[in-house]
Amino acid sequence: MQKYIEKLKKLDEKSSEELISNGSEEHAIALINRLLINAKENVNIISSKLSLYNNSLVIGALKTALKNNVSIKLLLDDYADSGIDKGNEFLKICKENTGCNVKTYKQQLNAHIITRDGKAFRYCEKLGSNTAVASFNYPSVVKNADDKVFGKDSIFSNASNFCLS
């Protein structure tokens, strides 16, 4: 695991275009942590249950990002009332911070995605799996995801505001 974390750090520091795979929950958490903790401007997230995000490492990275005034958009896939865990610590912190905008979407989204600063991403197409691909410098993929999901007149702009109660 330590080798994977060191590889992520090296690729992130040199803003590498190399595609990275992650096939385990531990790898996914390490990658999400890396994307959050080194964010400078914005992070956009599409998820459903946020299970990978409800981890002390990721929650610490979220707090760091918010402390650094990173803008976070979180789109929760609530297709067929999938049961968003309102007790999720990551979600609670996000909802309590004005730098984080949380919305829900009632139509099924086809992937879980996290993008950072217009360049870095993690993309998981197989829902319910931790298998994903990522890169720290692939602006064309990030632009496509951000424009379609988080841009003007996008899914995010038309989604419902999330309420914890």
Foldseek 3Di string as FASTA:
>chain_A
DVVLLVVLVVQQVVLHQDKDKDFDLVSLLSNLLSQQQPFQAEKEKEEAQCPSCLDPSNLVSNVNNVVNLHAYEYEYECAVNPDHDLPRPSNVVLVVGPSYFYFYAHDDDQWIKMDGDLAKIWIGRDPPGSIIMIGSGDNVVSCVCCCADPNPPHVRVPTGGDDSD
